[in-house]
Structures are given as structure tokens and as C-alpha cells.
N, C-alpha and C. Protein backbone atom coordinates (compact mmCIF):
# COMPACT_ATOMS: atom_id res chain seq x y z
N MET A 1 137.20 197.06 149.79
CA MET A 1 136.95 196.18 150.93
C MET A 1 137.06 194.74 150.47
N LYS A 2 137.82 193.94 151.19
CA LYS A 2 137.97 192.53 150.86
C LYS A 2 137.03 191.68 151.71
N ILE A 3 136.45 190.67 151.07
CA ILE A 3 135.54 189.78 151.76
C ILE A 3 136.15 188.38 151.76
N LEU A 4 136.37 187.83 152.93
CA LEU A 4 136.89 186.47 153.02
C LEU A 4 135.75 185.51 152.79
N ALA A 5 135.84 184.69 151.76
CA ALA A 5 134.71 183.85 151.36
C ALA A 5 134.86 182.41 151.81
N ILE A 6 136.08 181.89 151.79
CA ILE A 6 136.29 180.49 152.17
C ILE A 6 137.66 180.36 152.82
N ARG A 7 137.74 179.56 153.85
CA ARG A 7 139.00 179.40 154.56
C ARG A 7 139.24 177.92 154.85
N LEU A 8 140.43 177.45 154.48
CA LEU A 8 140.86 176.09 154.78
C LEU A 8 141.98 176.18 155.80
N LYS A 9 141.98 175.33 156.80
CA LYS A 9 143.06 175.35 157.78
C LYS A 9 143.40 173.92 158.19
N ASN A 10 144.69 173.58 158.05
CA ASN A 10 145.20 172.27 158.46
C ASN A 10 144.35 171.14 157.89
N LEU A 11 143.90 171.32 156.65
CA LEU A 11 143.01 170.33 156.05
C LEU A 11 143.82 169.13 155.57
N ALA A 12 143.44 167.96 156.01
CA ALA A 12 144.10 166.72 155.59
C ALA A 12 143.06 165.84 154.91
N SER A 13 143.31 165.52 153.65
CA SER A 13 142.41 164.64 152.91
C SER A 13 143.26 163.61 152.20
N LEU A 14 142.63 162.84 151.32
CA LEU A 14 143.39 161.87 150.54
C LEU A 14 144.43 162.56 149.67
N ALA A 15 144.20 163.84 149.39
CA ALA A 15 145.11 164.58 148.52
C ALA A 15 146.29 165.17 149.28
N GLY A 16 146.24 165.19 150.61
CA GLY A 16 147.34 165.75 151.38
C GLY A 16 146.90 166.91 152.23
N PRO A 17 147.84 167.55 152.95
CA PRO A 17 147.50 168.67 153.83
C PRO A 17 147.48 170.00 153.08
N PHE A 18 146.55 170.89 153.45
CA PHE A 18 146.45 172.19 152.81
C PHE A 18 146.13 173.25 153.84
N GLU A 19 146.59 174.46 153.59
CA GLU A 19 146.19 175.59 154.41
C GLU A 19 146.09 176.81 153.49
N ILE A 20 144.87 177.29 153.27
CA ILE A 20 144.62 178.37 152.33
C ILE A 20 143.67 179.37 152.95
N ASP A 21 143.97 180.65 152.83
CA ASP A 21 142.99 181.69 153.07
C ASP A 21 142.68 182.30 151.71
N PHE A 22 141.44 182.19 151.27
CA PHE A 22 141.08 182.67 149.95
C PHE A 22 140.26 183.93 150.08
N THR A 23 140.70 185.00 149.45
CA THR A 23 140.01 186.28 149.52
C THR A 23 139.53 186.69 148.14
N ALA A 24 138.27 187.09 148.03
CA ALA A 24 137.74 187.65 146.79
C ALA A 24 137.48 189.13 146.99
N GLU A 25 137.88 189.93 146.04
CA GLU A 25 137.69 191.37 146.13
C GLU A 25 136.63 191.80 145.13
N PRO A 26 135.48 192.32 145.58
CA PRO A 26 134.40 192.70 144.67
C PRO A 26 134.86 193.72 143.64
N LEU A 27 134.34 193.58 142.43
CA LEU A 27 134.56 194.53 141.35
C LEU A 27 136.03 194.65 140.98
N ALA A 28 136.79 193.61 141.21
CA ALA A 28 138.20 193.60 140.81
C ALA A 28 138.56 192.20 140.35
N SER A 29 139.52 192.12 139.43
CA SER A 29 139.91 190.82 138.90
C SER A 29 140.84 190.11 139.87
N ALA A 30 140.30 189.68 140.99
CA ALA A 30 141.15 189.07 142.01
C ALA A 30 140.48 187.85 142.61
N GLY A 31 139.72 187.11 141.81
CA GLY A 31 138.88 186.10 142.41
C GLY A 31 139.05 184.66 142.02
N LEU A 32 140.12 184.26 141.30
CA LEU A 32 140.22 182.84 140.94
C LEU A 32 141.52 182.25 141.43
N PHE A 33 141.39 181.21 142.23
CA PHE A 33 142.51 180.47 142.77
C PHE A 33 142.64 179.19 141.95
N SER A 34 143.74 179.02 141.24
CA SER A 34 143.95 177.88 140.36
C SER A 34 144.71 176.77 141.08
N ILE A 35 144.23 175.54 140.94
CA ILE A 35 144.90 174.37 141.50
C ILE A 35 145.59 173.65 140.35
N THR A 36 146.90 173.49 140.43
CA THR A 36 147.65 172.86 139.36
C THR A 36 148.38 171.62 139.88
N GLY A 37 148.87 170.82 138.94
CA GLY A 37 149.60 169.61 139.30
C GLY A 37 149.29 168.50 138.32
N PRO A 38 150.09 167.44 138.31
CA PRO A 38 149.90 166.35 137.37
C PRO A 38 148.67 165.51 137.70
N THR A 39 148.27 164.69 136.73
CA THR A 39 147.17 163.76 136.95
C THR A 39 147.48 162.85 138.14
N GLY A 40 146.51 162.70 139.02
CA GLY A 40 146.71 161.86 140.19
C GLY A 40 147.23 162.58 141.41
N ALA A 41 147.47 163.89 141.29
CA ALA A 41 148.01 164.65 142.42
C ALA A 41 146.96 164.92 143.49
N GLY A 42 145.68 164.79 143.13
CA GLY A 42 144.62 165.00 144.12
C GLY A 42 143.84 166.29 143.94
N LYS A 43 143.93 166.91 142.75
CA LYS A 43 143.26 168.19 142.53
C LYS A 43 141.74 168.05 142.64
N SER A 44 141.18 167.09 141.91
CA SER A 44 139.73 166.89 141.97
C SER A 44 139.29 166.41 143.34
N THR A 45 140.14 165.61 143.99
CA THR A 45 139.83 165.16 145.35
C THR A 45 139.70 166.35 146.29
N LEU A 46 140.59 167.33 146.14
CA LEU A 46 140.51 168.52 146.97
C LEU A 46 139.20 169.28 146.74
N LEU A 47 138.82 169.45 145.46
CA LEU A 47 137.57 170.15 145.18
C LEU A 47 136.37 169.40 145.76
N ARG A 48 136.36 168.09 145.60
CA ARG A 48 135.23 167.31 146.13
C ARG A 48 135.19 167.36 147.65
N THR A 49 136.36 167.47 148.26
CA THR A 49 136.40 167.62 149.72
C THR A 49 135.83 168.97 150.13
N LEU A 50 136.18 170.02 149.39
CA LEU A 50 135.64 171.35 149.68
C LEU A 50 134.13 171.38 149.52
N TYR A 51 133.62 170.62 148.57
CA TYR A 51 132.19 170.61 148.29
C TYR A 51 131.40 169.74 149.27
N GLY A 52 132.12 168.96 150.05
CA GLY A 52 131.46 168.13 151.03
C GLY A 52 131.18 166.72 150.58
N ASN A 53 131.67 166.33 149.39
CA ASN A 53 131.48 164.96 148.94
C ASN A 53 132.35 163.98 149.72
N TYR A 54 133.54 164.43 150.12
CA TYR A 54 134.45 163.61 150.90
C TYR A 54 134.63 164.24 152.28
N LEU A 55 134.75 163.41 153.28
CA LEU A 55 135.00 163.89 154.64
C LEU A 55 136.50 163.89 154.88
N PRO A 56 137.11 165.04 155.17
CA PRO A 56 138.55 165.07 155.40
C PRO A 56 138.92 164.36 156.69
N ALA A 57 140.17 163.91 156.76
CA ALA A 57 140.64 163.22 157.96
C ALA A 57 140.83 164.19 159.11
N ALA A 58 141.11 165.45 158.80
CA ALA A 58 141.33 166.45 159.84
C ALA A 58 141.22 167.83 159.22
N GLY A 59 141.17 168.84 160.08
CA GLY A 59 141.21 170.21 159.61
C GLY A 59 139.85 170.87 159.54
N SER A 60 139.82 172.02 158.88
CA SER A 60 138.64 172.87 158.87
C SER A 60 138.38 173.42 157.47
N ILE A 61 137.10 173.44 157.08
CA ILE A 61 136.65 174.12 155.86
C ILE A 61 135.53 175.05 156.29
N ARG A 62 135.79 176.33 156.29
CA ARG A 62 134.79 177.30 156.73
C ARG A 62 134.39 178.19 155.56
N VAL A 63 133.07 178.35 155.38
CA VAL A 63 132.53 179.13 154.28
C VAL A 63 131.67 180.26 154.84
N GLN A 64 131.81 181.43 154.26
CA GLN A 64 130.98 182.56 154.65
C GLN A 64 129.58 182.36 154.06
N HIS A 65 128.64 181.96 154.89
CA HIS A 65 127.29 181.61 154.43
C HIS A 65 126.26 182.48 155.13
N GLU A 66 125.58 183.31 154.36
CA GLU A 66 124.55 184.21 154.89
C GLU A 66 125.07 185.06 156.05
N GLY A 67 126.30 185.58 155.86
CA GLY A 67 126.86 186.50 156.84
C GLY A 67 127.54 185.87 158.03
N GLU A 68 127.59 184.55 158.07
CA GLU A 68 128.23 183.87 159.19
C GLU A 68 129.15 182.77 158.67
N TRP A 69 130.18 182.47 159.48
CA TRP A 69 131.07 181.37 159.12
C TRP A 69 130.38 180.04 159.42
N THR A 70 130.37 179.16 158.42
CA THR A 70 129.80 177.82 158.57
C THR A 70 130.90 176.79 158.38
N GLU A 71 131.07 175.94 159.37
CA GLU A 71 132.07 174.87 159.31
C GLU A 71 131.47 173.67 158.57
N LEU A 72 132.11 173.28 157.46
CA LEU A 72 131.59 172.16 156.67
C LEU A 72 132.10 170.81 157.15
N VAL A 73 133.27 170.79 157.78
CA VAL A 73 133.78 169.52 158.31
C VAL A 73 132.93 169.15 159.52
N GLY A 74 132.23 168.05 159.42
CA GLY A 74 131.36 167.63 160.51
C GLY A 74 129.96 168.20 160.44
N ALA A 75 129.65 169.00 159.41
CA ALA A 75 128.30 169.54 159.27
C ALA A 75 127.32 168.43 158.93
N THR A 76 126.06 168.63 159.29
CA THR A 76 125.02 167.66 158.97
C THR A 76 124.72 167.72 157.47
N PRO A 77 124.18 166.65 156.88
CA PRO A 77 123.80 166.70 155.47
C PRO A 77 122.87 167.86 155.15
N ARG A 78 121.94 168.17 156.04
CA ARG A 78 121.03 169.28 155.81
C ARG A 78 121.79 170.60 155.73
N GLN A 79 122.78 170.79 156.61
CA GLN A 79 123.57 172.02 156.59
C GLN A 79 124.38 172.14 155.30
N VAL A 80 124.97 171.02 154.88
CA VAL A 80 125.75 171.03 153.64
C VAL A 80 124.86 171.38 152.45
N LEU A 81 123.69 170.78 152.38
CA LEU A 81 122.77 171.06 151.27
C LEU A 81 122.32 172.52 151.26
N GLU A 82 122.12 173.10 152.43
CA GLU A 82 121.72 174.50 152.51
C GLU A 82 122.84 175.41 152.01
N VAL A 83 124.09 175.09 152.37
CA VAL A 83 125.23 175.87 151.88
C VAL A 83 125.33 175.74 150.36
N ARG A 84 125.13 174.53 149.85
CA ARG A 84 125.19 174.31 148.41
C ARG A 84 124.09 175.07 147.66
N ARG A 85 122.95 175.21 148.27
CA ARG A 85 121.83 175.86 147.59
C ARG A 85 122.06 177.35 147.42
N LYS A 86 122.72 177.99 148.39
CA LYS A 86 122.82 179.44 148.38
C LYS A 86 124.24 179.99 148.22
N THR A 87 125.25 179.20 148.60
CA THR A 87 126.59 179.78 148.73
C THR A 87 127.65 179.08 147.90
N LEU A 88 127.62 177.77 147.83
CA LEU A 88 128.73 177.00 147.27
C LEU A 88 128.30 176.27 146.00
N GLY A 89 128.76 176.76 144.84
CA GLY A 89 128.46 176.13 143.57
C GLY A 89 129.59 175.22 143.13
N TYR A 90 129.30 174.33 142.17
CA TYR A 90 130.30 173.34 141.76
C TYR A 90 130.05 172.92 140.31
N VAL A 91 131.06 173.04 139.48
CA VAL A 91 131.04 172.48 138.13
C VAL A 91 131.92 171.24 138.15
N SER A 92 131.29 170.06 138.13
CA SER A 92 132.05 168.81 138.13
C SER A 92 132.47 168.48 136.71
N GLN A 93 133.27 167.43 136.56
CA GLN A 93 133.71 167.02 135.23
C GLN A 93 132.59 166.36 134.45
N PHE A 94 131.57 165.87 135.14
CA PHE A 94 130.49 165.15 134.48
C PHE A 94 129.14 165.68 134.97
N LEU A 95 128.19 165.80 134.05
CA LEU A 95 126.85 166.26 134.38
C LEU A 95 126.05 165.12 134.98
N ARG A 96 125.53 165.34 136.18
CA ARG A 96 124.70 164.33 136.84
C ARG A 96 123.35 164.96 137.18
N VAL A 97 122.33 164.55 136.44
CA VAL A 97 120.99 165.11 136.65
C VAL A 97 119.96 163.99 136.55
N ILE A 98 118.73 164.31 136.93
CA ILE A 98 117.64 163.34 136.85
C ILE A 98 117.34 163.04 135.38
N PRO A 99 117.25 161.77 134.99
CA PRO A 99 116.97 161.42 133.59
C PRO A 99 115.63 161.98 133.11
N ARG A 100 115.55 162.23 131.83
CA ARG A 100 114.33 162.63 131.13
C ARG A 100 113.87 164.05 131.47
N VAL A 101 114.67 164.81 132.19
CA VAL A 101 114.37 166.23 132.43
C VAL A 101 114.99 167.05 131.30
N SER A 102 114.26 167.99 130.76
CA SER A 102 114.75 168.77 129.63
C SER A 102 115.98 169.59 130.02
N SER A 103 116.80 169.89 129.03
CA SER A 103 118.01 170.69 129.27
C SER A 103 117.66 172.06 129.83
N LEU A 104 116.60 172.66 129.31
CA LEU A 104 116.18 173.98 129.80
C LEU A 104 115.83 173.91 131.28
N ASP A 105 115.11 172.88 131.69
CA ASP A 105 114.73 172.75 133.10
C ASP A 105 115.94 172.44 133.98
N VAL A 106 116.89 171.66 133.45
CA VAL A 106 118.12 171.37 134.20
C VAL A 106 118.87 172.66 134.50
N VAL A 107 118.98 173.53 133.51
CA VAL A 107 119.71 174.79 133.69
C VAL A 107 118.95 175.73 134.62
N MET A 108 117.63 175.73 134.55
CA MET A 108 116.81 176.64 135.35
C MET A 108 116.76 176.27 136.83
N GLU A 109 116.99 175.01 137.16
CA GLU A 109 116.73 174.50 138.51
C GLU A 109 117.37 175.31 139.63
N PRO A 110 118.66 175.70 139.56
CA PRO A 110 119.24 176.47 140.67
C PRO A 110 118.51 177.78 140.94
N ALA A 111 118.02 178.44 139.89
CA ALA A 111 117.30 179.70 140.08
C ALA A 111 115.93 179.46 140.70
N LEU A 112 115.23 178.42 140.24
CA LEU A 112 113.92 178.11 140.81
C LEU A 112 114.05 177.73 142.28
N ALA A 113 115.15 177.04 142.63
CA ALA A 113 115.37 176.66 144.02
C ALA A 113 115.58 177.87 144.92
N ARG A 114 116.00 178.98 144.33
CA ARG A 114 116.20 180.22 145.10
C ARG A 114 114.98 181.13 145.09
N GLY A 115 113.91 180.67 144.46
CA GLY A 115 112.69 181.45 144.48
C GLY A 115 112.46 182.36 143.29
N TRP A 116 113.28 182.22 142.24
CA TRP A 116 113.03 183.02 141.04
C TRP A 116 111.70 182.60 140.43
N SER A 117 111.05 183.50 139.72
CA SER A 117 109.87 183.13 138.95
C SER A 117 110.32 182.29 137.76
N ARG A 118 109.42 181.47 137.24
CA ARG A 118 109.78 180.65 136.09
C ARG A 118 110.14 181.52 134.89
N GLU A 119 109.47 182.64 134.74
CA GLU A 119 109.76 183.54 133.63
C GLU A 119 111.17 184.10 133.73
N GLN A 120 111.57 184.53 134.93
CA GLN A 120 112.93 185.06 135.13
C GLN A 120 113.97 183.97 134.88
N ALA A 121 113.72 182.78 135.42
CA ALA A 121 114.67 181.68 135.27
C ALA A 121 114.80 181.27 133.81
N GLN A 122 113.70 181.22 133.11
CA GLN A 122 113.73 180.81 131.70
C GLN A 122 114.49 181.82 130.85
N GLU A 123 114.31 183.10 131.13
CA GLU A 123 115.02 184.13 130.38
C GLU A 123 116.53 184.01 130.57
N ARG A 124 116.96 183.81 131.81
CA ARG A 124 118.38 183.67 132.09
C ARG A 124 118.94 182.38 131.48
N ALA A 125 118.20 181.28 131.59
CA ALA A 125 118.66 180.00 131.05
C ALA A 125 118.80 180.07 129.53
N GLN A 126 117.85 180.67 128.87
CA GLN A 126 117.91 180.78 127.41
C GLN A 126 119.10 181.64 126.98
N LEU A 127 119.38 182.69 127.74
CA LEU A 127 120.54 183.53 127.44
C LEU A 127 121.83 182.72 127.52
N LEU A 128 121.98 181.94 128.59
CA LEU A 128 123.20 181.15 128.77
C LEU A 128 123.32 180.05 127.73
N LEU A 129 122.23 179.36 127.44
CA LEU A 129 122.27 178.31 126.42
C LEU A 129 122.64 178.89 125.07
N GLY A 130 122.13 180.08 124.77
CA GLY A 130 122.50 180.73 123.52
C GLY A 130 123.97 181.12 123.49
N ARG A 131 124.47 181.67 124.57
CA ARG A 131 125.88 182.06 124.63
C ARG A 131 126.79 180.85 124.47
N LEU A 132 126.36 179.71 125.01
CA LEU A 132 127.17 178.50 124.95
C LEU A 132 126.88 177.65 123.71
N ASN A 133 126.16 178.24 122.77
CA ASN A 133 125.94 177.62 121.45
C ASN A 133 125.24 176.27 121.51
N ILE A 134 124.27 176.14 122.43
CA ILE A 134 123.41 174.97 122.45
C ILE A 134 122.21 175.29 121.56
N PRO A 135 122.01 174.56 120.45
CA PRO A 135 120.91 174.87 119.53
C PRO A 135 119.55 174.82 120.24
N GLN A 136 118.66 175.71 119.87
CA GLN A 136 117.36 175.79 120.52
C GLN A 136 116.57 174.49 120.38
N ARG A 137 116.80 173.75 119.30
CA ARG A 137 116.09 172.49 119.11
C ARG A 137 116.44 171.45 120.17
N LEU A 138 117.58 171.64 120.86
CA LEU A 138 118.00 170.69 121.90
C LEU A 138 117.46 171.06 123.28
N TRP A 139 116.97 172.26 123.47
CA TRP A 139 116.56 172.70 124.80
C TRP A 139 115.47 171.82 125.42
N PRO A 140 114.50 171.30 124.63
CA PRO A 140 113.47 170.45 125.24
C PRO A 140 113.94 169.02 125.52
N LEU A 141 115.15 168.66 125.07
CA LEU A 141 115.63 167.29 125.18
C LEU A 141 116.45 167.09 126.45
N ALA A 142 116.47 165.85 126.92
CA ALA A 142 117.28 165.52 128.10
C ALA A 142 118.76 165.53 127.71
N PRO A 143 119.63 166.11 128.53
CA PRO A 143 121.05 166.19 128.17
C PRO A 143 121.76 164.84 128.15
N SER A 144 121.13 163.80 128.70
CA SER A 144 121.76 162.47 128.67
C SER A 144 121.93 161.97 127.24
N THR A 145 121.19 162.55 126.30
CA THR A 145 121.29 162.14 124.89
C THR A 145 122.36 162.93 124.13
N PHE A 146 123.02 163.87 124.79
CA PHE A 146 123.94 164.78 124.12
C PHE A 146 125.36 164.22 124.08
N SER A 147 126.20 164.87 123.28
CA SER A 147 127.63 164.56 123.26
C SER A 147 128.27 165.05 124.55
N GLY A 148 129.52 164.61 124.78
CA GLY A 148 130.22 165.03 125.99
C GLY A 148 130.40 166.53 126.08
N GLY A 149 130.74 167.16 124.95
CA GLY A 149 130.91 168.60 124.94
C GLY A 149 129.62 169.35 125.19
N GLU A 150 128.51 168.84 124.63
CA GLU A 150 127.21 169.48 124.86
C GLU A 150 126.78 169.33 126.32
N GLN A 151 127.01 168.16 126.89
CA GLN A 151 126.68 167.96 128.30
C GLN A 151 127.48 168.90 129.20
N GLN A 152 128.75 169.09 128.86
CA GLN A 152 129.58 169.99 129.66
C GLN A 152 129.07 171.42 129.59
N ARG A 153 128.58 171.82 128.42
CA ARG A 153 128.05 173.18 128.30
C ARG A 153 126.75 173.35 129.08
N ILE A 154 125.93 172.30 129.13
CA ILE A 154 124.73 172.34 129.97
C ILE A 154 125.15 172.46 131.44
N ASN A 155 126.17 171.71 131.81
CA ASN A 155 126.71 171.75 133.17
C ASN A 155 127.17 173.16 133.54
N ILE A 156 127.86 173.80 132.62
CA ILE A 156 128.38 175.15 132.85
C ILE A 156 127.24 176.17 132.92
N ALA A 157 126.28 176.06 132.00
CA ALA A 157 125.14 176.97 132.03
C ALA A 157 124.40 176.87 133.35
N ARG A 158 124.22 175.66 133.84
CA ARG A 158 123.54 175.45 135.13
C ARG A 158 124.33 176.11 136.27
N ALA A 159 125.65 175.97 136.23
CA ALA A 159 126.48 176.52 137.31
C ALA A 159 126.47 178.04 137.34
N PHE A 160 126.40 178.66 136.16
CA PHE A 160 126.42 180.12 136.10
C PHE A 160 125.01 180.73 136.03
N MET A 161 124.02 179.91 136.30
CA MET A 161 122.63 180.37 136.27
C MET A 161 122.37 181.41 137.36
N VAL A 162 122.96 181.24 138.51
CA VAL A 162 122.78 182.15 139.64
C VAL A 162 124.14 182.59 140.15
N PRO A 163 124.23 183.72 140.83
CA PRO A 163 125.51 184.14 141.41
C PRO A 163 125.86 183.30 142.63
N TRP A 164 127.12 182.89 142.71
CA TRP A 164 127.61 182.11 143.85
C TRP A 164 128.69 182.90 144.57
N PRO A 165 128.63 183.00 145.89
CA PRO A 165 129.75 183.57 146.63
C PRO A 165 131.04 182.78 146.44
N VAL A 166 130.90 181.44 146.37
CA VAL A 166 132.05 180.55 146.15
C VAL A 166 131.67 179.57 145.05
N LEU A 167 132.52 179.43 144.04
CA LEU A 167 132.25 178.51 142.93
C LEU A 167 133.48 177.66 142.66
N LEU A 168 133.30 176.34 142.69
CA LEU A 168 134.35 175.38 142.42
C LEU A 168 134.24 174.90 140.97
N LEU A 169 135.36 174.88 140.26
CA LEU A 169 135.37 174.55 138.83
C LEU A 169 136.35 173.42 138.58
N ASP A 170 135.85 172.26 138.18
CA ASP A 170 136.71 171.11 137.90
C ASP A 170 136.81 170.92 136.39
N GLU A 171 137.86 171.48 135.81
CA GLU A 171 138.13 171.41 134.38
C GLU A 171 136.94 171.89 133.54
N PRO A 172 136.48 173.12 133.73
CA PRO A 172 135.30 173.59 133.01
C PRO A 172 135.50 173.76 131.51
N THR A 173 136.76 173.85 131.05
CA THR A 173 136.99 174.04 129.62
C THR A 173 137.33 172.74 128.91
N ALA A 174 137.35 171.61 129.63
CA ALA A 174 137.63 170.32 129.00
C ALA A 174 136.51 169.98 128.02
N SER A 175 136.85 169.31 126.95
CA SER A 175 135.89 168.84 125.94
C SER A 175 135.24 169.97 125.14
N LEU A 176 135.78 171.18 125.23
CA LEU A 176 135.18 172.30 124.53
C LEU A 176 136.07 172.79 123.39
N ASP A 177 135.44 173.28 122.33
CA ASP A 177 136.20 173.88 121.24
C ASP A 177 136.61 175.30 121.63
N ASP A 178 137.38 175.93 120.75
CA ASP A 178 137.93 177.24 121.09
C ASP A 178 136.84 178.28 121.34
N ALA A 179 135.79 178.27 120.53
CA ALA A 179 134.74 179.28 120.67
C ALA A 179 134.03 179.15 122.01
N ASN A 180 133.68 177.94 122.39
CA ASN A 180 132.98 177.74 123.66
C ASN A 180 133.91 177.91 124.85
N ARG A 181 135.19 177.61 124.66
CA ARG A 181 136.16 177.85 125.73
C ARG A 181 136.22 179.34 126.05
N ARG A 182 136.19 180.16 125.01
CA ARG A 182 136.21 181.61 125.23
C ARG A 182 134.97 182.08 125.99
N VAL A 183 133.82 181.49 125.68
CA VAL A 183 132.59 181.86 126.39
C VAL A 183 132.70 181.51 127.87
N VAL A 184 133.24 180.33 128.16
CA VAL A 184 133.39 179.91 129.56
C VAL A 184 134.31 180.87 130.30
N LEU A 185 135.41 181.26 129.67
CA LEU A 185 136.33 182.19 130.32
C LEU A 185 135.67 183.55 130.53
N GLU A 186 134.80 183.95 129.62
CA GLU A 186 134.04 185.19 129.82
C GLU A 186 133.12 185.08 131.04
N LEU A 187 132.45 183.93 131.19
CA LEU A 187 131.56 183.72 132.33
C LEU A 187 132.35 183.72 133.64
N VAL A 188 133.52 183.10 133.61
CA VAL A 188 134.38 183.09 134.79
C VAL A 188 134.78 184.52 135.15
N ASP A 189 135.17 185.28 134.15
CA ASP A 189 135.59 186.66 134.41
C ASP A 189 134.43 187.51 134.94
N GLU A 190 133.24 187.29 134.41
CA GLU A 190 132.07 188.02 134.90
C GLU A 190 131.79 187.68 136.37
N ALA A 191 131.95 186.41 136.73
CA ALA A 191 131.75 186.01 138.13
C ALA A 191 132.79 186.66 139.03
N LYS A 192 134.03 186.72 138.56
CA LYS A 192 135.08 187.39 139.33
C LYS A 192 134.74 188.86 139.54
N GLN A 193 134.32 189.52 138.48
CA GLN A 193 134.01 190.94 138.57
C GLN A 193 132.84 191.19 139.53
N ALA A 194 131.97 190.21 139.65
CA ALA A 194 130.83 190.34 140.56
C ALA A 194 131.20 190.06 142.01
N GLY A 195 132.47 189.65 142.24
CA GLY A 195 132.93 189.44 143.60
C GLY A 195 132.95 188.01 144.07
N ALA A 196 132.78 187.04 143.15
CA ALA A 196 132.78 185.64 143.55
C ALA A 196 134.20 185.15 143.84
N ALA A 197 134.29 184.21 144.76
CA ALA A 197 135.54 183.49 145.01
C ALA A 197 135.48 182.19 144.23
N LEU A 198 136.38 182.00 143.28
CA LEU A 198 136.39 180.81 142.45
C LEU A 198 137.66 180.01 142.71
N ILE A 199 137.52 178.70 142.77
CA ILE A 199 138.66 177.80 142.91
C ILE A 199 138.54 176.79 141.79
N GLY A 200 139.55 176.73 140.91
CA GLY A 200 139.38 175.93 139.70
C GLY A 200 140.59 175.13 139.28
N ILE A 201 140.31 174.08 138.53
CA ILE A 201 141.32 173.26 137.89
C ILE A 201 141.23 173.50 136.39
N PHE A 202 142.33 173.94 135.78
CA PHE A 202 142.40 174.19 134.35
C PHE A 202 143.65 173.52 133.81
N HIS A 203 143.49 172.43 133.05
CA HIS A 203 144.67 171.81 132.44
C HIS A 203 145.14 172.62 131.24
N ASP A 204 144.25 173.40 130.65
CA ASP A 204 144.60 174.28 129.54
C ASP A 204 145.38 175.47 130.11
N ARG A 205 146.67 175.50 129.83
CA ARG A 205 147.52 176.53 130.42
C ARG A 205 147.09 177.94 130.01
N ASP A 206 146.74 178.12 128.73
CA ASP A 206 146.33 179.44 128.27
C ASP A 206 145.07 179.90 129.00
N ALA A 207 144.12 178.98 129.19
CA ALA A 207 142.89 179.33 129.90
C ALA A 207 143.20 179.69 131.35
N ARG A 208 144.06 178.90 131.96
CA ARG A 208 144.43 179.15 133.37
C ARG A 208 145.08 180.51 133.53
N GLU A 209 146.01 180.82 132.66
CA GLU A 209 146.72 182.09 132.78
C GLU A 209 145.81 183.28 132.47
N ALA A 210 144.75 183.03 131.70
CA ALA A 210 143.84 184.12 131.35
C ALA A 210 142.96 184.54 132.52
N VAL A 211 142.68 183.61 133.45
CA VAL A 211 141.69 183.93 134.50
C VAL A 211 142.22 183.82 135.92
N ALA A 212 143.32 183.10 136.14
CA ALA A 212 143.76 182.84 137.51
C ALA A 212 144.57 184.00 138.06
N ASN A 213 144.36 184.27 139.35
CA ASN A 213 145.11 185.31 140.05
C ASN A 213 146.10 184.73 141.06
N ARG A 214 145.76 183.54 141.59
CA ARG A 214 146.62 182.87 142.56
C ARG A 214 146.65 181.40 142.20
N GLN A 215 147.65 180.69 142.74
CA GLN A 215 147.84 179.30 142.34
C GLN A 215 148.32 178.44 143.50
N LEU A 216 147.79 177.22 143.55
CA LEU A 216 148.28 176.19 144.46
C LEU A 216 148.83 175.06 143.61
N ASP A 217 150.13 174.81 143.68
CA ASP A 217 150.77 173.75 142.91
C ASP A 217 150.80 172.47 143.75
N MET A 218 150.10 171.43 143.28
CA MET A 218 150.03 170.17 144.01
C MET A 218 150.99 169.12 143.45
N THR A 219 151.97 169.56 142.66
CA THR A 219 152.96 168.63 142.14
C THR A 219 153.75 168.01 143.28
N PRO A 220 153.80 166.66 143.37
CA PRO A 220 154.56 166.03 144.46
C PRO A 220 156.03 166.39 144.37
N VAL A 221 156.66 166.56 145.52
CA VAL A 221 158.09 166.86 145.57
C VAL A 221 158.86 165.55 145.51
N ASP A 222 159.78 165.44 144.54
CA ASP A 222 160.57 164.22 144.39
C ASP A 222 161.52 164.05 145.57
N LEU A 223 161.63 162.83 146.04
CA LEU A 223 162.59 162.53 147.09
C LEU A 223 164.00 162.50 146.52
N THR A 224 164.97 162.96 147.29
CA THR A 224 166.36 162.87 146.87
C THR A 224 166.84 161.43 147.01
N ALA A 225 167.97 161.14 146.41
CA ALA A 225 168.53 159.79 146.49
C ALA A 225 168.78 159.40 147.94
N LYS A 226 169.29 160.35 148.77
CA LYS A 226 169.55 160.06 150.18
C LYS A 226 168.26 159.74 150.91
N GLU A 227 167.20 160.51 150.62
CA GLU A 227 165.92 160.26 151.27
C GLU A 227 165.35 158.91 150.86
N LEU A 228 165.55 158.53 149.59
CA LEU A 228 165.06 157.24 149.13
C LEU A 228 165.75 156.10 149.86
N LEU A 229 167.05 156.25 150.11
CA LEU A 229 167.79 155.21 150.82
C LEU A 229 167.32 155.08 152.26
N GLN A 230 166.83 156.18 152.83
CA GLN A 230 166.39 156.15 154.21
C GLN A 230 164.96 155.63 154.36
N CYS A 231 164.22 155.51 153.23
CA CYS A 231 162.82 155.06 153.31
C CYS A 231 162.74 153.56 153.62
């Protein structure tokens, strides 16, 4: 049985027009839609638009939220936040969290927001931090003091703390060494197997080919000489 998780129709943003029906199939490796294209093509802009950070000029973004279709274009801030809390996850290129909060608490927060006990959340967070090779001595420290690669791993651990029906990934393997890149790809594959719909940007071609099932190429089409003369 296929579950339609997110649908874009006639979407116009700063990145251009898009029309995508994204389907995730539970318990099958069919869940990652890769967005490709050169720098400046609008890949991250598209993800931020899907997440509700940018308001598109036109079109529709509908997400399957708690058994019903929810339209994000024109939704109230409260509605967007509710979708983000339960349905729509996002790994941005940069970790943005409240200063002076420990890394362990940063990673645990999505689970606590869903009503997990602190014991359950801590067990899951410690497992992820261990898998992503964050030394235990760093767990009580604020991630703002960490290197770029360490911050990215905190960001990833936080994103995979709870299951998401839809998860957006903006270069999740950037700034990572080979060992941690493999861990991230394992986490992505586990989310796919659990039935998540993932939409991601991977500049690492090997990583992209390892996890992606479908692709949207945002490379601009070059104008012909005749078209240039007519401009």
C-alpha cells in the first residue's frame, strides 16, 4: 500500500515552478526524492519553501498531517508549527538552537515535545550521539562551542530523534568525514524503511546515489543562440 505524504502543485517560488507528487512506500526502499542542480539553482530555497520559511508566490503545498491533508500555503503560523512538531522534520545546513542548552537536551527536545518521558528521550538521544561519534564529554556542553562538523552531527541526531512522516534534508552529509557520512546514510535508510518520505539535497554524488530513488534536476536550461537574440 502506498501512502501519499506530500504533494506540490503549480508551486512558484524564488526557485521557479514545480509540480511533484511524492509517494513513500512503507517497508520498502522507495522513500527519498533527491533535488540536484548547481549552486544557486534554488535547491535550498525550495526546501525552505516546503518547510514554510518562505511564502511561495503561487501554488499548493499539501502535507498528510494526522490523517488529513493540510495546506501549508496560507496556513497560520500556529498551523505550520503544529505540522512541524508532528509531521514535517527538517535538517538545515546550520544548527540553530537556544544558547547555553546542552547538546543532550538539544537532541532530546523533539521527543519531549511529543510527550516522551525524559528517560525514553535520553536513551534515544544517547544512542544517536554515540552512533554519530559525539564524545560523551561533550554531551553536557552547548553545541555553539563545537566545530562545524560536530554541530552538524548534533543537528542530524536531533532530526532523527523521532520518526517523521516527511523529512527535509539540506546537505546532511556536508562537513562530515567518511565514517560519519556512512552513519548518516544508515539513518536515512532506516527512515526510508520505516515509511518516511524524504526530500534531500546531496552534493556528494556517491551519497546521493546510495539513498535516492527519484530525482528532480534543477539545472537551468541554457538558452539557444536564437533565443538569446530574441531576448
